């Protein structure tokens, strides 16, 4: 991941947090890939612009993760 993308992600998360948590729902395979390679490998997203989604709602992230085969 490039330093520029790291900075953008860090600043976005920092703004969203204040005194709250944010969540990212994903599948088990994707979670393992995040642990190995970081949140985003822009050349592997399949999208024109790489993106990462977070939510302040635990239930929404959980629902999304389950729909992708996660827990």
PDB file of N, CA and C in Angstrom:
ATOM      1  N   UNK A   1       0.851  -1.164   0.000  1.00  0.00           N
ATOM      2  CA  UNK A   1       0.000   0.000   0.000  1.00  0.00           C
ATOM      3  C   UNK A   1       0.898   1.228   0.000  1.00  0.00           C
ATOM      4  N   UNK A   2       0.519   2.201  -0.791  1.00  0.00           N
ATOM      5  CA  UNK A   2       1.355   3.394  -0.875  1.00  0.00           C
ATOM      6  C   UNK A   2       1.177   4.274   0.357  1.00  0.00           C
ATOM      7  N   UNK A   3       2.195   5.041   0.699  1.00  0.00           N
ATOM      8  CA  UNK A   3       2.072   5.948   1.854  1.00  0.00           C
ATOM      9  C   UNK A   3       0.907   6.916   1.702  1.00  0.00           C
ATOM     10  N   UNK A   4       0.621   7.348   0.462  1.00  0.00           N
ATOM     11  CA  UNK A   4      -0.482   8.276   0.220  1.00  0.00           C
ATOM     12  C   UNK A   4      -1.823   7.633   0.598  1.00  0.00           C
ATOM     13  N   UNK A   5      -2.050   6.399   0.190  1.00  0.00           N
ATOM     14  CA  UNK A   5      -3.302   5.708   0.520  1.00  0.00           C
ATOM     15  C   UNK A   5      -3.381   5.481   2.023  1.00  0.00           C
ATOM     16  N   UNK A   6      -2.283   5.082   2.650  1.00  0.00           N
ATOM     17  CA  UNK A   6      -2.261   4.915   4.112  1.00  0.00           C
ATOM     18  C   UNK A   6      -2.693   6.200   4.803  1.00  0.00           C
ATOM     19  N   UNK A   7      -2.184   7.340   4.345  1.00  0.00           N
ATOM     20  CA  UNK A   7      -2.513   8.619   4.964  1.00  0.00           C
ATOM     21  C   UNK A   7      -3.995   8.935   4.792  1.00  0.00           C
ATOM     22  N   UNK A   8      -4.540   8.702   3.614  1.00  0.00           N
ATOM     23  CA  UNK A   8      -5.962   8.960   3.361  1.00  0.00           C
ATOM     24  C   UNK A   8      -6.827   8.094   4.268  1.00  0.00           C
ATOM     25  N   UNK A   9      -6.497   6.814   4.373  1.00  0.00           N
ATOM     26  CA  UNK A   9      -7.267   5.902   5.229  1.00  0.00           C
ATOM     27  C   UNK A   9      -7.165   6.357   6.679  1.00  0.00           C
ATOM     28  N   UNK A  10      -5.974   6.647   7.143  1.00  0.00           N
ATOM     29  CA  UNK A  10      -5.774   7.061   8.530  1.00  0.00           C
ATOM     30  C   UNK A  10      -6.581   8.315   8.843  1.00  0.00           C
ATOM     31  N   UNK A  11      -6.519   9.314   7.977  1.00  0.00           N
ATOM     32  CA  UNK A  11      -7.244  10.565   8.214  1.00  0.00           C
ATOM     33  C   UNK A  11      -8.755  10.342   8.202  1.00  0.00           C
ATOM     34  N   UNK A  12      -9.251   9.508   7.296  1.00  0.00           N
ATOM     35  CA  UNK A  12     -10.692   9.223   7.238  1.00  0.00           C
ATOM     36  C   UNK A  12     -11.164   8.527   8.497  1.00  0.00           C
ATOM     37  N   UNK A  13     -10.419   7.548   8.941  1.00  0.00           N
ATOM     38  CA  UNK A  13     -10.788   6.807  10.153  1.00  0.00           C
ATOM     39  C   UNK A  13     -10.703   7.724  11.366  1.00  0.00           C
ATOM     40  N   UNK A  14      -9.668   8.537  11.446  1.00  0.00           N
ATOM     41  CA  UNK A  14      -9.494   9.449  12.574  1.00  0.00           C
ATOM     42  C   UNK A  14     -10.670  10.427  12.675  1.00  0.00           C
ATOM     43  N   UNK A  15     -11.130  10.952  11.535  1.00  0.00           N
ATOM     44  CA  UNK A  15     -12.277  11.863  11.532  1.00  0.00           C
ATOM     45  C   UNK A  15     -13.543  11.151  11.980  1.00  0.00           C
ATOM     46  N   UNK A  16     -13.716   9.906  11.556  1.00  0.00           N
ATOM     47  CA  UNK A  16     -14.945   9.171  11.862  1.00  0.00           C
ATOM     48  C   UNK A  16     -15.012   8.732  13.319  1.00  0.00           C
ATOM     49  N   UNK A  17     -13.868   8.543  13.932  1.00  0.00           N
ATOM     50  CA  UNK A  17     -13.849   7.951  15.266  1.00  0.00           C
ATOM     51  C   UNK A  17     -14.340   8.857  16.381  1.00  0.00           C
ATOM     52  N   UNK A  18     -13.784  10.004  16.535  1.00  0.00           N
ATOM     53  CA  UNK A  18     -13.963  10.852  17.711  1.00  0.00           C
ATOM     54  C   UNK A  18     -14.006   9.967  18.947  1.00  0.00           C
ATOM     55  N   UNK A  19     -15.155   9.749  19.546  1.00  0.00           N
ATOM     56  CA  UNK A  19     -15.256   8.875  20.720  1.00  0.00           C
ATOM     57  C   UNK A  19     -16.031   7.598  20.403  1.00  0.00           C
ATOM     58  N   UNK A  20     -16.068   7.200  19.150  1.00  0.00           N
ATOM     59  CA  UNK A  20     -16.871   6.058  18.727  1.00  0.00           C
ATOM     60  C   UNK A  20     -15.992   4.979  18.099  1.00  0.00           C
ATOM     61  N   UNK A  21     -16.622   3.851  17.855  1.00  0.00           N
ATOM     62  CA  UNK A  21     -15.970   2.784  17.101  1.00  0.00           C
ATOM     63  C   UNK A  21     -16.514   2.812  15.681  1.00  0.00           C
ATOM     64  N   UNK A  22     -15.714   2.341  14.739  1.00  0.00           N
ATOM     65  CA  UNK A  22     -16.213   2.091  13.397  1.00  0.00           C
ATOM     66  C   UNK A  22     -15.916   0.635  13.069  1.00  0.00           C
ATOM     67  N   UNK A  23     -16.698   0.072  12.169  1.00  0.00           N
ATOM     68  CA  UNK A  23     -16.611  -1.354  11.858  1.00  0.00           C
ATOM     69  C   UNK A  23     -16.441  -1.560  10.361  1.00  0.00           C
ATOM     70  N   UNK A  24     -15.820  -2.698  10.039  1.00  0.00           N
ATOM     71  CA  UNK A  24     -15.620  -3.101   8.655  1.00  0.00           C
ATOM     72  C   UNK A  24     -16.005  -4.569   8.562  1.00  0.00           C
ATOM     73  N   UNK A  25     -17.107  -4.867   7.891  1.00  0.00           N
ATOM     74  CA  UNK A  25     -17.550  -6.252   7.747  1.00  0.00           C
ATOM     75  C   UNK A  25     -16.932  -6.886   6.520  1.00  0.00           C
ATOM     76  N   UNK A  26     -16.438  -8.108   6.675  1.00  0.00           N
ATOM     77  CA  UNK A  26     -15.806  -8.784   5.544  1.00  0.00           C
ATOM     78  C   UNK A  26     -15.853 -10.292   5.762  1.00  0.00           C
ATOM     79  N   UNK A  27     -15.440 -11.040   4.774  1.00  0.00           N
ATOM     80  CA  UNK A  27     -15.400 -12.502   4.892  1.00  0.00           C
ATOM     81  C   UNK A  27     -14.131 -12.944   5.620  1.00  0.00           C
ATOM     82  N   UNK A  28     -14.105 -14.194   6.044  1.00  0.00           N
ATOM     83  CA  UNK A  28     -12.921 -14.716   6.733  1.00  0.00           C
ATOM     84  C   UNK A  28     -11.691 -14.678   5.820  1.00  0.00           C
ATOM     85  N   UNK A  29     -11.872 -15.082   4.563  1.00  0.00           N
ATOM     86  CA  UNK A  29     -10.752 -15.067   3.623  1.00  0.00           C
ATOM     87  C   UNK A  29     -10.214 -13.670   3.397  1.00  0.00           C
ATOM     88  N   UNK A  30     -11.123 -12.706   3.266  1.00  0.00           N
ATOM     89  CA  UNK A  30     -10.692 -11.320   3.071  1.00  0.00           C
ATOM     90  C   UNK A  30     -10.006 -10.787   4.332  1.00  0.00           C
ATOM     91  N   UNK A  31     -10.512 -11.178   5.511  1.00  0.00           N
ATOM     92  CA  UNK A  31      -9.885 -10.739   6.769  1.00  0.00           C
ATOM     93  C   UNK A  31      -8.460 -11.274   6.867  1.00  0.00           C
ATOM     94  N   UNK A  32      -8.273 -12.524   6.492  1.00  0.00           N
ATOM     95  CA  UNK A  32      -6.921 -13.092   6.509  1.00  0.00           C
ATOM     96  C   UNK A  32      -6.017 -12.368   5.520  1.00  0.00           C
ATOM     97  N   UNK A  33      -6.572 -12.025   4.360  1.00  0.00           N
ATOM     98  CA  UNK A  33      -5.808 -11.286   3.354  1.00  0.00           C
ATOM     99  C   UNK A  33      -5.436  -9.891   3.871  1.00  0.00           C
ATOM    100  N   UNK A  34      -6.364  -9.243   4.603  1.00  0.00           N
ATOM    101  CA  UNK A  34      -6.074  -7.931   5.195  1.00  0.00           C
ATOM    102  C   UNK A  34      -4.931  -8.056   6.193  1.00  0.00           C
ATOM    103  N   UNK A  35      -4.947  -9.126   6.999  1.00  0.00           N
ATOM    104  CA  UNK A  35      -3.863  -9.327   7.966  1.00  0.00           C
ATOM    105  C   UNK A  35      -2.530  -9.499   7.260  1.00  0.00           C
ATOM    106  N   UNK A  36      -2.529 -10.217   6.146  1.00  0.00           N
ATOM    107  CA  UNK A  36      -1.283 -10.472   5.408  1.00  0.00           C
ATOM    108  C   UNK A  36      -0.797  -9.257   4.634  1.00  0.00           C
ATOM    109  N   UNK A  37      -1.723  -8.583   3.950  1.00  0.00           N
ATOM    110  CA  UNK A  37      -1.319  -7.584   2.963  1.00  0.00           C
ATOM    111  C   UNK A  37      -1.764  -6.156   3.266  1.00  0.00           C
ATOM    112  N   UNK A  38      -2.460  -5.939   4.361  1.00  0.00           N
ATOM    113  CA  UNK A  38      -2.998  -4.605   4.630  1.00  0.00           C
ATOM    114  C   UNK A  38      -4.396  -4.484   4.056  1.00  0.00           C
ATOM    115  N   UNK A  39      -5.043  -3.362   4.360  1.00  0.00           N
ATOM    116  CA  UNK A  39      -6.440  -3.197   3.983  1.00  0.00           C
ATOM    117  C   UNK A  39      -6.686  -3.189   2.496  1.00  0.00           C
ATOM    118  N   UNK A  40      -5.777  -2.670   1.713  1.00  0.00           N
ATOM    119  CA  UNK A  40      -6.102  -2.451   0.316  1.00  0.00           C
ATOM    120  C   UNK A  40      -4.884  -2.621  -0.570  1.00  0.00           C
ATOM    121  N   UNK A  41      -5.051  -3.444  -1.557  1.00  0.00           N
ATOM    122  CA  UNK A  41      -4.052  -3.533  -2.616  1.00  0.00           C
ATOM    123  C   UNK A  41      -4.741  -2.971  -3.854  1.00  0.00           C
ATOM    124  N   UNK A  42      -4.505  -1.702  -4.202  1.00  0.00           N
ATOM    125  CA  UNK A  42      -5.272  -1.037  -5.255  1.00  0.00           C
ATOM    126  C   UNK A  42      -5.346  -1.796  -6.569  1.00  0.00           C
ATOM    127  N   UNK A  43      -4.311  -2.526  -6.925  1.00  0.00           N
ATOM    128  CA  UNK A  43      -4.341  -3.238  -8.200  1.00  0.00           C
ATOM    129  C   UNK A  43      -5.206  -4.488  -8.148  1.00  0.00           C
ATOM    130  N   UNK A  44      -5.714  -4.888  -6.987  1.00  0.00           N
ATOM    131  CA  UNK A  44      -6.529  -6.090  -6.874  1.00  0.00           C
ATOM    132  C   UNK A  44      -7.981  -5.804  -6.496  1.00  0.00           C
ATOM    133  N   UNK A  45      -8.411  -4.548  -6.516  1.00  0.00           N
ATOM    134  CA  UNK A  45      -9.766  -4.228  -6.073  1.00  0.00           C
ATOM    135  C   UNK A  45     -10.813  -4.543  -7.130  1.00  0.00           C
ATOM    136  N   UNK A  46     -10.429  -4.554  -8.400  1.00  0.00           N
ATOM    137  CA  UNK A  46     -11.398  -4.776  -9.464  1.00  0.00           C
ATOM    138  C   UNK A  46     -12.233  -3.540  -9.748  1.00  0.00           C
ATOM    139  N   UNK A  47     -11.938  -2.445  -9.112  1.00  0.00           N
ATOM    140  CA  UNK A  47     -12.677  -1.202  -9.315  1.00  0.00           C
ATOM    141  C   UNK A  47     -11.751  -0.164  -9.936  1.00  0.00           C
ATOM    142  N   UNK A  48     -12.371   0.841 -10.547  1.00  0.00           N
ATOM    143  CA  UNK A  48     -11.566   1.908 -11.137  1.00  0.00           C
ATOM    144  C   UNK A  48     -10.781   2.651 -10.062  1.00  0.00           C
ATOM    145  N   UNK A  49     -11.442   2.969  -8.957  1.00  0.00           N
ATOM    146  CA  UNK A  49     -10.790   3.615  -7.819  1.00  0.00           C
ATOM    147  C   UNK A  49     -10.900   2.695  -6.611  1.00  0.00           C
ATOM    148  N   UNK A  50      -9.818   2.436  -5.911  1.00  0.00           N
ATOM    149  CA  UNK A  50      -9.891   1.583  -4.726  1.00  0.00           C
ATOM    150  C   UNK A  50     -10.762   2.218  -3.653  1.00  0.00           C
ATOM    151  N   UNK A  51     -11.443   1.380  -2.880  1.00  0.00           N
ATOM    152  CA  UNK A  51     -12.306   1.911  -1.836  1.00  0.00           C
ATOM    153  C   UNK A  51     -12.396   0.943  -0.664  1.00  0.00           C
ATOM    154  N   UNK A  52     -12.644   1.496   0.500  1.00  0.00           N
ATOM    155  CA  UNK A  52     -12.849   0.731   1.721  1.00  0.00           C
ATOM    156  C   UNK A  52     -14.051   1.347   2.415  1.00  0.00           C
ATOM    157  N   UNK A  53     -14.944   0.507   2.911  1.00  0.00           N
ATOM    158  CA  UNK A  53     -16.147   1.010   3.561  1.00  0.00           C
ATOM    159  C   UNK A  53     -16.144   0.671   5.040  1.00  0.00           C
ATOM    160  N   UNK A  54     -16.518   1.641   5.851  1.00  0.00           N
ATOM    161  CA  UNK A  54     -16.664   1.476   7.287  1.00  0.00           C
ATOM    162  C   UNK A  54     -18.056   1.958   7.672  1.00  0.00           C
ATOM    163  N   UNK A  55     -18.532   1.513   8.819  1.00  0.00           N
ATOM    164  CA  UNK A  55     -19.806   1.974   9.340  1.00  0.00           C
ATOM    165  C   UNK A  55     -19.706   2.157  10.847  1.00  0.00           C
ATOM    166  N   UNK A  56     -20.544   3.010  11.379  1.00  0.00           N
ATOM    167  CA  UNK A  56     -20.622   3.179  12.829  1.00  0.00           C
ATOM    168  C   UNK A  56     -21.573   2.149  13.439  1.00  0.00           C
ATOM    169  N   UNK A  57     -22.240   1.375  12.591  1.00  0.00           N
ATOM    170  CA  UNK A  57     -23.272   0.437  13.039  1.00  0.00           C
ATOM    171  C   UNK A  57     -22.756  -1.009  13.010  1.00  0.00           C
ATOM    172  N   UNK A  58     -22.539  -1.560  14.200  1.00  0.00           N
ATOM    173  CA  UNK A  58     -22.022  -2.918  14.316  1.00  0.00           C
ATOM    174  C   UNK A  58     -22.914  -3.921  13.582  1.00  0.00           C
ATOM    175  N   UNK A  59     -24.242  -3.812  13.763  1.00  0.00           N
ATOM    176  CA  UNK A  59     -25.161  -4.776  13.140  1.00  0.00           C
ATOM    177  C   UNK A  59     -25.078  -4.759  11.617  1.00  0.00           C
ATOM    178  N   UNK A  60     -24.860  -3.576  11.034  1.00  0.00           N
ATOM    179  CA  UNK A  60     -24.727  -3.496   9.581  1.00  0.00           C
ATOM    180  C   UNK A  60     -23.450  -4.196   9.126  1.00  0.00           C
ATOM    181  N   UNK A  61     -22.354  -3.945   9.816  1.00  0.00           N
ATOM    182  CA  UNK A  61     -21.086  -4.592   9.462  1.00  0.00           C
ATOM    183  C   UNK A  61     -21.198  -6.107   9.631  1.00  0.00           C
ATOM    184  N   UNK A  62     -21.863  -6.529  10.704  1.00  0.00           N
ATOM    185  CA  UNK A  62     -22.048  -7.967  10.944  1.00  0.00           C
ATOM    186  C   UNK A  62     -22.890  -8.594   9.833  1.00  0.00           C
ATOM    187  N   UNK A  63     -23.979  -7.941   9.451  1.00  0.00           N
ATOM    188  CA  UNK A  63     -24.830  -8.439   8.368  1.00  0.00           C
ATOM    189  C   UNK A  63     -24.030  -8.564   7.069  1.00  0.00           C
ATOM    190  N   UNK A  64     -23.235  -7.542   6.756  1.00  0.00           N
ATOM    191  CA  UNK A  64     -22.440  -7.571   5.540  1.00  0.00           C
ATOM    192  C   UNK A  64     -21.432  -8.708   5.588  1.00  0.00           C
ATOM    193  N   UNK A  65     -20.767  -8.860   6.725  1.00  0.00           N
ATOM    194  CA  UNK A  65     -19.773  -9.940   6.859  1.00  0.00           C
ATOM    195  C   UNK A  65     -20.426 -11.306   6.666  1.00  0.00           C
ATOM    196  N   UNK A  66     -21.589 -11.518   7.261  1.00  0.00           N
ATOM    197  CA  UNK A  66     -22.296 -12.801   7.128  1.00  0.00           C
ATOM    198  C   UNK A  66     -22.695 -13.019   5.676  1.00  0.00           C
ATOM    199  N   UNK A  67     -23.135 -11.958   4.976  1.00  0.00           N
ATOM    200  CA  UNK A  67     -23.529 -12.106   3.577  1.00  0.00           C
ATOM    201  C   UNK A  67     -22.339 -12.458   2.689  1.00  0.00           C
ATOM    202  N   UNK A  68     -21.126 -12.161   3.162  1.00  0.00           N
ATOM    203  CA  UNK A  68     -19.910 -12.491   2.412  1.00  0.00           C
ATOM    204  C   UNK A  68     -19.255 -13.783   2.916  1.00  0.00           C
ATOM    205  N   UNK A  69     -19.955 -14.511   3.768  1.00  0.00           N
ATOM    206  CA  UNK A  69     -19.423 -15.785   4.267  1.00  0.00           C
ATOM    207  C   UNK A  69     -18.614 -15.667   5.528  1.00  0.00           C
ATOM    208  N   UNK A  70     -18.646 -14.515   6.163  1.00  0.00           N
ATOM    209  CA  UNK A  70     -17.895 -14.320   7.417  1.00  0.00           C
ATOM    210  C   UNK A  70     -18.774 -14.546   8.623  1.00  0.00           C
ATOM    211  N   UNK A  71     -18.244 -14.221   9.781  1.00  0.00           N
ATOM    212  CA  UNK A  71     -19.000 -14.346  11.027  1.00  0.00           C
ATOM    213  C   UNK A  71     -19.179 -12.977  11.605  1.00  0.00           C
TER     214      UNK A  71
END
